[in-house]
Amino acid sequence: MRRTVEETRQRLRAAASAEFAEHGVDGTTMTRIASRAGINKERLYAYFGDKDALFDEVLTEALEELSRAVAPEGLRFDDLGEFAGRTFDYYRQHPELARLLQWEGLRGAAPVNATTRMTHYERKVAATAQAQRDGVIDDRIDAGHLMFMVIGLAAWWFAVPQLATMLTGNDADAPSEHARRRAFVVEAAHRLAGVKPELSPPS
């Protein structure tokens, strides 16, 4: 069955995301991305231009998907525990994003799609600051620092999974360990925000 243009582009983006996550921009090639996707290399160049432009598109799309998943319309930023839990869930399902962000930092170039991302993060910080002014969450931590801490709290498990395993002594793939880590992330975010977490009933 013949693929549509968008299906082909999505297949190439998925292959590029996997290659970039594993090897970074400098460590992979357009040839390897095209081979992984099973699509002609000339089509890859025609759709995305050069390798840097492709990395930019892959990371931009991943971050947009993250935003849609963790901050759907109606999610309040005064509930930072819920935000942290959703962020943790997304990174668990898409651990390649943590690696893409690390490669972006190591690349030494300007951040991808910086203006749009700055606007997006400014809205998050502003919503957090508003919740602080409303007395919903503690205002003793700078709103920007607090948002960064909450994101790091959720994402760092997947940025350095080997460290998480060495410190906890538990395999991240075990469902019970996933549940423990998520519960910790939510509770820690609540405590950072100055919100007393609801205690789960005894099992």
N, C-alpha and C. Protein backbone atom coordinates (compact mmCIF):
# COMPACT_ATOMS: atom_id res chain seq x y z
N MET A 1 0.85 -1.19 0.00
CA MET A 1 0.00 0.00 0.00
C MET A 1 0.89 1.25 0.00
N ARG A 2 0.55 2.18 -0.83
CA ARG A 2 1.36 3.39 -0.96
C ARG A 2 1.14 4.32 0.22
N ARG A 3 2.25 4.84 0.78
CA ARG A 3 2.14 5.75 1.92
C ARG A 3 1.83 7.15 1.46
N THR A 4 1.11 7.89 2.31
CA THR A 4 0.91 9.31 2.05
C THR A 4 2.18 10.06 2.41
N VAL A 5 2.27 11.32 1.97
CA VAL A 5 3.43 12.14 2.29
C VAL A 5 3.59 12.27 3.80
N GLU A 6 2.49 12.50 4.51
CA GLU A 6 2.59 12.69 5.96
C GLU A 6 3.00 11.40 6.66
N GLU A 7 2.53 10.27 6.17
CA GLU A 7 2.95 8.98 6.76
C GLU A 7 4.44 8.77 6.55
N THR A 8 4.93 9.14 5.38
CA THR A 8 6.36 9.00 5.11
C THR A 8 7.17 9.93 6.00
N ARG A 9 6.71 11.18 6.13
CA ARG A 9 7.41 12.14 6.98
C ARG A 9 7.44 11.66 8.43
N GLN A 10 6.31 11.11 8.89
CA GLN A 10 6.26 10.64 10.27
C GLN A 10 7.18 9.45 10.48
N ARG A 11 7.26 8.59 9.50
CA ARG A 11 8.16 7.44 9.60
C ARG A 11 9.62 7.91 9.68
N LEU A 12 9.95 8.91 8.88
CA LEU A 12 11.31 9.46 8.90
C LEU A 12 11.59 10.17 10.22
N ARG A 13 10.62 10.91 10.74
CA ARG A 13 10.81 11.59 12.02
C ARG A 13 11.03 10.59 13.15
N ALA A 14 10.27 9.50 13.13
CA ALA A 14 10.42 8.47 14.17
C ALA A 14 11.81 7.84 14.10
N ALA A 15 12.28 7.55 12.90
CA ALA A 15 13.62 6.98 12.74
C ALA A 15 14.68 7.98 13.19
N ALA A 16 14.50 9.25 12.83
CA ALA A 16 15.45 10.28 13.22
C ALA A 16 15.47 10.45 14.73
N SER A 17 14.30 10.43 15.36
CA SER A 17 14.23 10.57 16.82
C SER A 17 15.03 9.45 17.51
N ALA A 18 14.86 8.23 17.03
CA ALA A 18 15.58 7.10 17.63
C ALA A 18 17.09 7.23 17.41
N GLU A 19 17.49 7.61 16.21
CA GLU A 19 18.92 7.75 15.91
C GLU A 19 19.55 8.90 16.70
N PHE A 20 18.87 10.03 16.73
CA PHE A 20 19.41 11.18 17.47
C PHE A 20 19.49 10.88 18.97
N ALA A 21 18.48 10.20 19.50
CA ALA A 21 18.51 9.86 20.93
C ALA A 21 19.67 8.94 21.25
N GLU A 22 19.98 8.02 20.35
CA GLU A 22 21.05 7.06 20.60
C GLU A 22 22.44 7.64 20.36
N HIS A 23 22.56 8.50 19.33
CA HIS A 23 23.89 8.90 18.88
C HIS A 23 24.14 10.41 18.84
N GLY A 24 23.10 11.22 19.04
CA GLY A 24 23.27 12.66 18.91
C GLY A 24 23.33 13.08 17.45
N VAL A 25 23.38 14.39 17.23
CA VAL A 25 23.40 14.90 15.86
C VAL A 25 24.70 14.51 15.16
N ASP A 26 25.82 14.70 15.83
CA ASP A 26 27.11 14.43 15.20
C ASP A 26 27.37 12.94 15.02
N GLY A 27 26.72 12.11 15.83
CA GLY A 27 27.02 10.69 15.81
C GLY A 27 26.20 9.87 14.85
N THR A 28 25.26 10.51 14.15
CA THR A 28 24.47 9.75 13.18
C THR A 28 24.56 10.42 11.82
N THR A 29 23.97 9.79 10.83
CA THR A 29 24.01 10.31 9.46
C THR A 29 22.62 10.24 8.85
N MET A 30 22.41 11.04 7.82
CA MET A 30 21.14 10.99 7.11
C MET A 30 20.96 9.62 6.44
N THR A 31 22.06 9.02 6.02
CA THR A 31 21.99 7.69 5.41
C THR A 31 21.44 6.67 6.40
N ARG A 32 21.93 6.73 7.64
CA ARG A 32 21.48 5.76 8.64
C ARG A 32 20.02 6.01 9.02
N ILE A 33 19.62 7.27 9.09
CA ILE A 33 18.22 7.58 9.40
C ILE A 33 17.31 7.04 8.31
N ALA A 34 17.67 7.30 7.06
CA ALA A 34 16.85 6.83 5.95
C ALA A 34 16.79 5.30 5.93
N SER A 35 17.93 4.66 6.20
CA SER A 35 17.96 3.19 6.22
C SER A 35 17.07 2.65 7.32
N ARG A 36 17.12 3.28 8.48
CA ARG A 36 16.29 2.83 9.61
C ARG A 36 14.81 2.97 9.29
N ALA A 37 14.45 4.01 8.55
CA ALA A 37 13.06 4.23 8.17
C ALA A 37 12.65 3.38 6.97
N GLY A 38 13.64 2.83 6.23
CA GLY A 38 13.34 2.07 5.04
C GLY A 38 12.85 2.94 3.90
N ILE A 39 13.39 4.16 3.84
CA ILE A 39 12.96 5.14 2.84
C ILE A 39 14.18 5.75 2.17
N ASN A 40 14.06 6.08 0.91
CA ASN A 40 15.14 6.63 0.13
C ASN A 40 15.72 7.90 0.76
N LYS A 41 17.05 7.99 0.81
CA LYS A 41 17.72 9.13 1.45
C LYS A 41 17.38 10.45 0.77
N GLU A 42 17.22 10.44 -0.55
CA GLU A 42 16.90 11.67 -1.27
C GLU A 42 15.57 12.25 -0.80
N ARG A 43 14.64 11.38 -0.47
CA ARG A 43 13.35 11.86 0.04
C ARG A 43 13.51 12.50 1.41
N LEU A 44 14.39 11.95 2.22
CA LEU A 44 14.66 12.53 3.54
C LEU A 44 15.18 13.96 3.39
N TYR A 45 16.14 14.15 2.48
CA TYR A 45 16.66 15.51 2.25
C TYR A 45 15.57 16.42 1.68
N ALA A 46 14.74 15.90 0.79
CA ALA A 46 13.70 16.72 0.18
C ALA A 46 12.69 17.20 1.20
N TYR A 47 12.37 16.35 2.18
CA TYR A 47 11.36 16.70 3.18
C TYR A 47 11.90 17.60 4.29
N PHE A 48 13.16 17.39 4.69
CA PHE A 48 13.64 18.04 5.90
C PHE A 48 14.88 18.91 5.71
N GLY A 49 15.50 18.88 4.55
CA GLY A 49 16.72 19.65 4.38
C GLY A 49 17.90 18.93 5.00
N ASP A 50 18.70 19.64 5.78
CA ASP A 50 19.89 19.02 6.35
C ASP A 50 19.62 18.39 7.72
N LYS A 51 20.66 17.79 8.27
CA LYS A 51 20.54 17.03 9.52
C LYS A 51 20.18 17.93 10.71
N ASP A 52 20.75 19.13 10.76
CA ASP A 52 20.43 20.03 11.86
C ASP A 52 18.96 20.45 11.83
N ALA A 53 18.45 20.72 10.63
CA ALA A 53 17.04 21.10 10.51
C ALA A 53 16.14 19.94 10.92
N LEU A 54 16.55 18.72 10.60
CA LEU A 54 15.77 17.54 10.99
C LEU A 54 15.77 17.38 12.50
N PHE A 55 16.92 17.55 13.14
CA PHE A 55 16.97 17.47 14.61
C PHE A 55 16.06 18.52 15.23
N ASP A 56 16.09 19.73 14.70
CA ASP A 56 15.24 20.80 15.22
C ASP A 56 13.77 20.42 15.13
N GLU A 57 13.37 19.84 14.01
CA GLU A 57 11.96 19.47 13.85
C GLU A 57 11.58 18.33 14.79
N VAL A 58 12.47 17.35 14.92
CA VAL A 58 12.19 16.21 15.80
C VAL A 58 12.01 16.67 17.24
N LEU A 59 12.91 17.52 17.73
CA LEU A 59 12.82 17.98 19.11
C LEU A 59 11.62 18.89 19.31
N THR A 60 11.35 19.76 18.35
CA THR A 60 10.19 20.64 18.46
C THR A 60 8.91 19.84 18.56
N GLU A 61 8.76 18.83 17.71
CA GLU A 61 7.56 18.00 17.74
C GLU A 61 7.44 17.25 19.06
N ALA A 62 8.55 16.73 19.56
CA ALA A 62 8.53 15.99 20.83
C ALA A 62 8.09 16.88 21.98
N LEU A 63 8.59 18.11 22.01
CA LEU A 63 8.24 19.03 23.09
C LEU A 63 6.78 19.46 22.98
N GLU A 64 6.28 19.62 21.77
CA GLU A 64 4.87 19.96 21.60
C GLU A 64 3.97 18.83 22.08
N GLU A 65 4.37 17.59 21.79
CA GLU A 65 3.61 16.44 22.28
C GLU A 65 3.64 16.37 23.81
N LEU A 66 4.80 16.64 24.38
CA LEU A 66 4.91 16.68 25.84
C LEU A 66 3.95 17.69 26.43
N SER A 67 3.93 18.88 25.86
CA SER A 67 3.06 19.94 26.38
C SER A 67 1.60 19.54 26.30
N ARG A 68 1.20 18.95 25.19
CA ARG A 68 -0.20 18.53 25.06
C ARG A 68 -0.56 17.45 26.08
N ALA A 69 0.40 16.59 26.38
CA ALA A 69 0.12 15.47 27.29
C ALA A 69 0.07 15.91 28.75
N VAL A 70 0.98 16.80 29.17
CA VAL A 70 1.09 17.11 30.59
C VAL A 70 0.30 18.34 30.99
N ALA A 71 -0.03 19.20 30.04
CA ALA A 71 -0.75 20.42 30.38
C ALA A 71 -1.94 20.63 29.46
N PRO A 72 -2.87 19.67 29.44
CA PRO A 72 -4.06 19.86 28.63
C PRO A 72 -4.90 21.01 29.17
N GLU A 73 -5.77 21.51 28.36
CA GLU A 73 -6.59 22.64 28.78
C GLU A 73 -7.34 22.29 30.07
N GLY A 74 -7.23 23.15 31.04
CA GLY A 74 -7.92 22.93 32.31
C GLY A 74 -7.00 22.48 33.42
N LEU A 75 -5.78 22.00 33.10
CA LEU A 75 -4.85 21.61 34.15
C LEU A 75 -4.30 22.86 34.81
N ARG A 76 -4.47 22.96 36.12
CA ARG A 76 -4.04 24.16 36.83
C ARG A 76 -2.62 23.98 37.31
N PHE A 77 -1.84 25.05 37.22
CA PHE A 77 -0.45 24.96 37.65
C PHE A 77 -0.29 25.16 39.15
N ASP A 78 -1.41 25.38 39.84
CA ASP A 78 -1.31 25.37 41.30
C ASP A 78 -1.28 23.92 41.82
N ASP A 79 -1.63 22.97 40.97
CA ASP A 79 -1.51 21.56 41.34
C ASP A 79 -0.24 21.02 40.70
N LEU A 80 0.90 21.38 41.29
CA LEU A 80 2.16 20.98 40.70
C LEU A 80 2.43 19.49 40.86
N GLY A 81 1.77 18.85 41.82
CA GLY A 81 1.90 17.40 41.94
C GLY A 81 1.34 16.70 40.73
N GLU A 82 0.18 17.12 40.29
CA GLU A 82 -0.44 16.53 39.10
C GLU A 82 0.41 16.80 37.87
N PHE A 83 0.91 18.02 37.76
CA PHE A 83 1.78 18.37 36.63
C PHE A 83 3.04 17.49 36.65
N ALA A 84 3.64 17.33 37.81
CA ALA A 84 4.85 16.50 37.92
C ALA A 84 4.55 15.05 37.57
N GLY A 85 3.43 14.53 38.04
CA GLY A 85 3.06 13.15 37.74
C GLY A 85 2.85 12.91 36.26
N ARG A 86 2.18 13.85 35.60
CA ARG A 86 1.95 13.72 34.16
C ARG A 86 3.28 13.81 33.40
N THR A 87 4.16 14.69 33.86
CA THR A 87 5.47 14.81 33.22
C THR A 87 6.26 13.52 33.36
N PHE A 88 6.24 12.94 34.56
CA PHE A 88 6.91 11.66 34.81
C PHE A 88 6.35 10.58 33.87
N ASP A 89 5.03 10.52 33.75
CA ASP A 89 4.39 9.52 32.89
C ASP A 89 4.84 9.67 31.44
N TYR A 90 4.91 10.93 30.98
CA TYR A 90 5.29 11.15 29.59
C TYR A 90 6.72 10.68 29.33
N TYR A 91 7.63 11.05 30.23
CA TYR A 91 9.02 10.64 30.05
C TYR A 91 9.18 9.13 30.15
N ARG A 92 8.38 8.49 30.96
CA ARG A 92 8.44 7.03 31.03
C ARG A 92 8.04 6.41 29.69
N GLN A 93 7.04 6.98 29.04
CA GLN A 93 6.58 6.48 27.76
C GLN A 93 7.50 6.90 26.61
N HIS A 94 8.21 8.03 26.81
CA HIS A 94 9.07 8.57 25.75
C HIS A 94 10.44 8.95 26.33
N PRO A 95 11.20 7.98 26.83
CA PRO A 95 12.49 8.31 27.45
C PRO A 95 13.48 8.93 26.49
N GLU A 96 13.24 8.78 25.19
CA GLU A 96 14.16 9.39 24.22
C GLU A 96 14.18 10.90 24.32
N LEU A 97 13.09 11.51 24.82
CA LEU A 97 13.06 12.97 24.92
C LEU A 97 14.14 13.47 25.87
N ALA A 98 14.35 12.78 26.98
CA ALA A 98 15.39 13.19 27.91
C ALA A 98 16.76 13.20 27.23
N ARG A 99 17.00 12.20 26.40
CA ARG A 99 18.28 12.13 25.69
C ARG A 99 18.38 13.21 24.62
N LEU A 100 17.29 13.47 23.92
CA LEU A 100 17.31 14.53 22.91
C LEU A 100 17.65 15.88 23.55
N LEU A 101 17.08 16.15 24.72
CA LEU A 101 17.37 17.41 25.40
C LEU A 101 18.82 17.47 25.86
N GLN A 102 19.36 16.34 26.29
CA GLN A 102 20.77 16.31 26.68
C GLN A 102 21.67 16.55 25.47
N TRP A 103 21.34 15.93 24.35
CA TRP A 103 22.13 16.16 23.13
C TRP A 103 22.02 17.61 22.68
N GLU A 104 20.85 18.21 22.85
CA GLU A 104 20.70 19.62 22.49
C GLU A 104 21.66 20.48 23.30
N GLY A 105 21.75 20.20 24.61
CA GLY A 105 22.65 20.97 25.46
C GLY A 105 24.11 20.75 25.10
N LEU A 106 24.46 19.51 24.71
CA LEU A 106 25.84 19.20 24.37
C LEU A 106 26.23 19.73 22.99
N ARG A 107 25.25 20.01 22.17
CA ARG A 107 25.54 20.42 20.79
C ARG A 107 26.25 21.76 20.73
N GLY A 108 26.00 22.63 21.72
CA GLY A 108 26.68 23.92 21.76
C GLY A 108 26.08 24.97 20.86
N ALA A 109 24.96 24.68 20.23
CA ALA A 109 24.28 25.64 19.37
C ALA A 109 23.16 26.32 20.17
N ALA A 110 22.53 27.30 19.54
CA ALA A 110 21.39 27.97 20.18
C ALA A 110 20.27 26.95 20.41
N PRO A 111 19.47 27.12 21.46
CA PRO A 111 18.36 26.18 21.70
C PRO A 111 17.42 26.11 20.50
N VAL A 112 16.87 24.94 20.29
CA VAL A 112 15.93 24.73 19.20
C VAL A 112 14.65 25.51 19.46
N ASN A 113 14.17 26.23 18.44
CA ASN A 113 12.88 26.93 18.52
C ASN A 113 12.79 27.77 19.79
N ALA A 114 13.85 28.51 20.08
CA ALA A 114 14.00 29.17 21.38
C ALA A 114 12.90 30.17 21.68
N THR A 115 12.50 30.98 20.71
CA THR A 115 11.51 32.03 20.97
C THR A 115 10.18 31.44 21.39
N THR A 116 9.71 30.44 20.64
CA THR A 116 8.43 29.81 20.98
C THR A 116 8.51 29.11 22.32
N ARG A 117 9.61 28.42 22.58
CA ARG A 117 9.75 27.72 23.85
C ARG A 117 9.81 28.69 25.01
N MET A 118 10.50 29.80 24.84
CA MET A 118 10.57 30.81 25.91
C MET A 118 9.16 31.31 26.25
N THR A 119 8.37 31.59 25.23
CA THR A 119 7.00 32.06 25.46
C THR A 119 6.19 31.01 26.22
N HIS A 120 6.36 29.75 25.82
CA HIS A 120 5.65 28.65 26.47
C HIS A 120 6.04 28.54 27.95
N TYR A 121 7.34 28.59 28.22
CA TYR A 121 7.81 28.46 29.60
C TYR A 121 7.44 29.69 30.43
N GLU A 122 7.44 30.85 29.81
CA GLU A 122 7.03 32.05 30.54
C GLU A 122 5.59 31.95 31.01
N ARG A 123 4.73 31.33 30.19
CA ARG A 123 3.33 31.14 30.61
C ARG A 123 3.25 30.20 31.81
N LYS A 124 4.07 29.15 31.79
CA LYS A 124 4.09 28.22 32.93
C LYS A 124 4.55 28.92 34.20
N VAL A 125 5.61 29.69 34.09
CA VAL A 125 6.14 30.40 35.26
C VAL A 125 5.13 31.43 35.75
N ALA A 126 4.48 32.13 34.82
CA ALA A 126 3.49 33.14 35.21
C ALA A 126 2.31 32.49 35.93
N ALA A 127 1.88 31.31 35.46
CA ALA A 127 0.78 30.62 36.12
C ALA A 127 1.18 30.16 37.51
N THR A 128 2.42 29.72 37.66
CA THR A 128 2.92 29.32 38.98
C THR A 128 3.00 30.53 39.91
N ALA A 129 3.50 31.65 39.39
CA ALA A 129 3.59 32.87 40.20
C ALA A 129 2.22 33.35 40.62
N GLN A 130 1.24 33.21 39.73
CA GLN A 130 -0.13 33.62 40.08
C GLN A 130 -0.68 32.75 41.20
N ALA A 131 -0.40 31.45 41.13
CA ALA A 131 -0.85 30.56 42.20
C ALA A 131 -0.18 30.92 43.53
N GLN A 132 1.06 31.38 43.46
CA GLN A 132 1.74 31.84 44.68
C GLN A 132 1.08 33.10 45.22
N ARG A 133 0.76 34.04 44.35
CA ARG A 133 0.11 35.27 44.81
C ARG A 133 -1.27 34.98 45.38
N ASP A 134 -1.93 33.97 44.84
CA ASP A 134 -3.26 33.61 45.34
C ASP A 134 -3.19 32.83 46.65
N GLY A 135 -1.97 32.51 47.09
CA GLY A 135 -1.81 31.78 48.34
C GLY A 135 -2.09 30.29 48.23
N VAL A 136 -2.16 29.78 46.99
CA VAL A 136 -2.44 28.36 46.81
C VAL A 136 -1.19 27.52 47.03
N ILE A 137 -0.04 28.05 46.59
CA ILE A 137 1.23 27.36 46.82
C ILE A 137 2.21 28.33 47.46
N ASP A 138 3.22 27.77 48.10
CA ASP A 138 4.21 28.54 48.85
C ASP A 138 4.96 29.49 47.91
N ASP A 139 5.19 30.71 48.39
CA ASP A 139 5.88 31.70 47.55
C ASP A 139 7.33 31.90 47.96
N ARG A 140 7.87 30.99 48.80
CA ARG A 140 9.24 31.17 49.26
C ARG A 140 10.29 30.72 48.24
N ILE A 141 9.85 30.02 47.20
CA ILE A 141 10.75 29.62 46.12
C ILE A 141 10.37 30.41 44.88
N ASP A 142 11.37 30.97 44.21
CA ASP A 142 11.13 31.68 42.96
C ASP A 142 10.32 30.81 42.00
N ALA A 143 9.33 31.39 41.33
CA ALA A 143 8.42 30.61 40.49
C ALA A 143 9.17 29.88 39.37
N GLY A 144 10.15 30.55 38.77
CA GLY A 144 10.93 29.91 37.71
C GLY A 144 11.77 28.77 38.24
N HIS A 145 12.38 28.98 39.40
CA HIS A 145 13.18 27.92 40.02
C HIS A 145 12.28 26.74 40.40
N LEU A 146 11.11 27.05 40.92
CA LEU A 146 10.19 25.99 41.33
C LEU A 146 9.77 25.14 40.13
N MET A 147 9.43 25.79 39.01
CA MET A 147 9.02 25.05 37.82
C MET A 147 10.17 24.18 37.30
N PHE A 148 11.39 24.73 37.31
CA PHE A 148 12.55 23.96 36.87
C PHE A 148 12.77 22.74 37.77
N MET A 149 12.63 22.95 39.08
CA MET A 149 12.82 21.85 40.02
C MET A 149 11.80 20.74 39.81
N VAL A 150 10.56 21.12 39.55
CA VAL A 150 9.50 20.13 39.37
C VAL A 150 9.72 19.33 38.09
N ILE A 151 10.10 20.02 37.01
CA ILE A 151 10.38 19.33 35.75
C ILE A 151 11.57 18.38 35.92
N GLY A 152 12.63 18.87 36.57
CA GLY A 152 13.79 18.04 36.81
C GLY A 152 13.47 16.84 37.68
N LEU A 153 12.64 17.05 38.68
CA LEU A 153 12.22 15.98 39.58
C LEU A 153 11.56 14.84 38.81
N ALA A 154 10.77 15.20 37.81
CA ALA A 154 10.06 14.19 37.02
C ALA A 154 10.94 13.57 35.94
N ALA A 155 11.77 14.39 35.30
CA ALA A 155 12.49 13.94 34.10
C ALA A 155 13.83 13.29 34.38
N TRP A 156 14.47 13.62 35.50
CA TRP A 156 15.84 13.17 35.73
C TRP A 156 15.94 11.67 35.89
N TRP A 157 14.87 11.02 36.31
CA TRP A 157 14.86 9.56 36.41
C TRP A 157 15.22 8.93 35.06
N PHE A 158 14.83 9.59 33.98
CA PHE A 158 15.00 9.03 32.64
C PHE A 158 16.23 9.59 31.94
N ALA A 159 16.75 10.69 32.46
CA ALA A 159 17.98 11.25 31.91
C ALA A 159 19.20 10.44 32.37
N VAL A 160 19.16 9.96 33.60
CA VAL A 160 20.26 9.15 34.14
C VAL A 160 19.68 7.90 34.82
N PRO A 161 19.08 7.01 34.06
CA PRO A 161 18.44 5.84 34.66
C PRO A 161 19.40 4.95 35.42
N GLN A 162 20.67 4.92 34.99
CA GLN A 162 21.65 4.10 35.69
C GLN A 162 21.88 4.60 37.11
N LEU A 163 21.88 5.91 37.29
CA LEU A 163 22.05 6.49 38.63
C LEU A 163 20.84 6.18 39.50
N ALA A 164 19.65 6.26 38.91
CA ALA A 164 18.43 5.95 39.67
C ALA A 164 18.47 4.51 40.17
N THR A 165 18.90 3.60 39.32
CA THR A 165 18.97 2.19 39.73
C THR A 165 20.02 1.97 40.82
N MET A 166 21.19 2.61 40.67
CA MET A 166 22.24 2.43 41.67
C MET A 166 21.83 2.99 43.02
N LEU A 167 21.11 4.10 43.02
CA LEU A 167 20.71 4.73 44.28
C LEU A 167 19.56 4.00 44.96
N THR A 168 18.60 3.53 44.15
CA THR A 168 17.43 2.89 44.74
C THR A 168 17.59 1.39 44.89
N GLY A 169 18.50 0.80 44.10
CA GLY A 169 18.67 -0.64 44.12
C GLY A 169 17.55 -1.40 43.45
N ASN A 170 16.73 -0.68 42.69
CA ASN A 170 15.57 -1.31 42.06
C ASN A 170 15.57 -1.07 40.56
N ASP A 171 15.05 -2.05 39.83
CA ASP A 171 14.96 -1.97 38.38
C ASP A 171 13.77 -1.10 38.00
N ALA A 172 14.02 -0.11 37.13
CA ALA A 172 12.95 0.81 36.73
C ALA A 172 11.84 0.11 35.97
N ASP A 173 12.13 -1.05 35.37
CA ASP A 173 11.11 -1.74 34.57
C ASP A 173 10.07 -2.45 35.43
N ALA A 174 10.35 -2.62 36.70
CA ALA A 174 9.37 -3.29 37.58
C ALA A 174 8.17 -2.37 37.80
N PRO A 175 6.95 -2.84 37.54
CA PRO A 175 5.77 -1.98 37.72
C PRO A 175 5.66 -1.38 39.12
N SER A 176 6.03 -2.16 40.13
CA SER A 176 5.94 -1.64 41.50
C SER A 176 6.92 -0.48 41.71
N GLU A 177 8.10 -0.57 41.09
CA GLU A 177 9.08 0.51 41.23
C GLU A 177 8.61 1.75 40.49
N HIS A 178 8.01 1.56 39.32
CA HIS A 178 7.45 2.71 38.60
C HIS A 178 6.43 3.43 39.46
N ALA A 179 5.55 2.67 40.10
CA ALA A 179 4.51 3.27 40.95
C ALA A 179 5.13 4.02 42.12
N ARG A 180 6.18 3.44 42.73
CA ARG A 180 6.85 4.10 43.85
C ARG A 180 7.49 5.41 43.42
N ARG A 181 8.15 5.38 42.28
CA ARG A 181 8.83 6.59 41.80
C ARG A 181 7.82 7.68 41.46
N ARG A 182 6.74 7.29 40.80
CA ARG A 182 5.74 8.30 40.45
C ARG A 182 5.12 8.91 41.71
N ALA A 183 4.80 8.06 42.68
CA ALA A 183 4.21 8.57 43.93
C ALA A 183 5.18 9.52 44.63
N PHE A 184 6.47 9.18 44.60
CA PHE A 184 7.47 10.06 45.19
C PHE A 184 7.51 11.41 44.48
N VAL A 185 7.50 11.38 43.14
CA VAL A 185 7.55 12.62 42.36
C VAL A 185 6.37 13.52 42.69
N VAL A 186 5.19 12.95 42.75
CA VAL A 186 3.99 13.74 43.05
C VAL A 186 4.07 14.32 44.45
N GLU A 187 4.44 13.49 45.43
CA GLU A 187 4.52 13.97 46.81
C GLU A 187 5.60 15.03 46.97
N ALA A 188 6.77 14.81 46.36
CA ALA A 188 7.85 15.78 46.47
C ALA A 188 7.46 17.12 45.84
N ALA A 189 6.76 17.07 44.70
CA ALA A 189 6.30 18.31 44.07
C ALA A 189 5.32 19.04 44.97
N HIS A 190 4.43 18.30 45.62
CA HIS A 190 3.50 18.91 46.57
C HIS A 190 4.27 19.59 47.71
N ARG A 191 5.28 18.93 48.20
CA ARG A 191 6.03 19.50 49.32
C ARG A 191 6.82 20.73 48.89
N LEU A 192 7.39 20.69 47.68
CA LEU A 192 8.08 21.87 47.17
C LEU A 192 7.13 23.05 47.05
N ALA A 193 5.90 22.73 46.67
CA ALA A 193 4.90 23.79 46.51
C ALA A 193 4.26 24.18 47.84
N GLY A 194 4.62 23.49 48.90
CA GLY A 194 4.05 23.82 50.20
C GLY A 194 2.66 23.27 50.39
N VAL A 195 2.31 22.21 49.64
CA VAL A 195 0.99 21.61 49.73
C VAL A 195 1.13 20.27 50.43
N LYS A 196 0.32 20.05 51.44
CA LYS A 196 0.37 18.78 52.15
C LYS A 196 -0.22 17.70 51.27
N PRO A 197 0.53 16.63 50.94
CA PRO A 197 -0.02 15.58 50.07
C PRO A 197 -1.10 14.80 50.77
N GLU A 198 -2.09 14.33 49.99
CA GLU A 198 -3.13 13.49 50.55
C GLU A 198 -2.55 12.10 50.81
N LEU A 199 -2.81 11.59 51.98
CA LEU A 199 -2.29 10.27 52.33
C LEU A 199 -3.16 9.19 51.73
N SER A 200 -2.53 8.20 51.13
CA SER A 200 -3.29 7.08 50.58
C SER A 200 -3.77 6.20 51.72
N PRO A 201 -4.95 5.62 51.61
CA PRO A 201 -5.43 4.71 52.66
C PRO A 201 -4.54 3.49 52.74
N PRO A 202 -4.37 2.92 53.91
CA PRO A 202 -3.54 1.73 54.06
C PRO A 202 -4.07 0.58 53.22
N SER A 203 -3.16 -0.18 52.62
CA SER A 203 -3.59 -1.31 51.78
C SER A 203 -3.83 -2.53 52.64
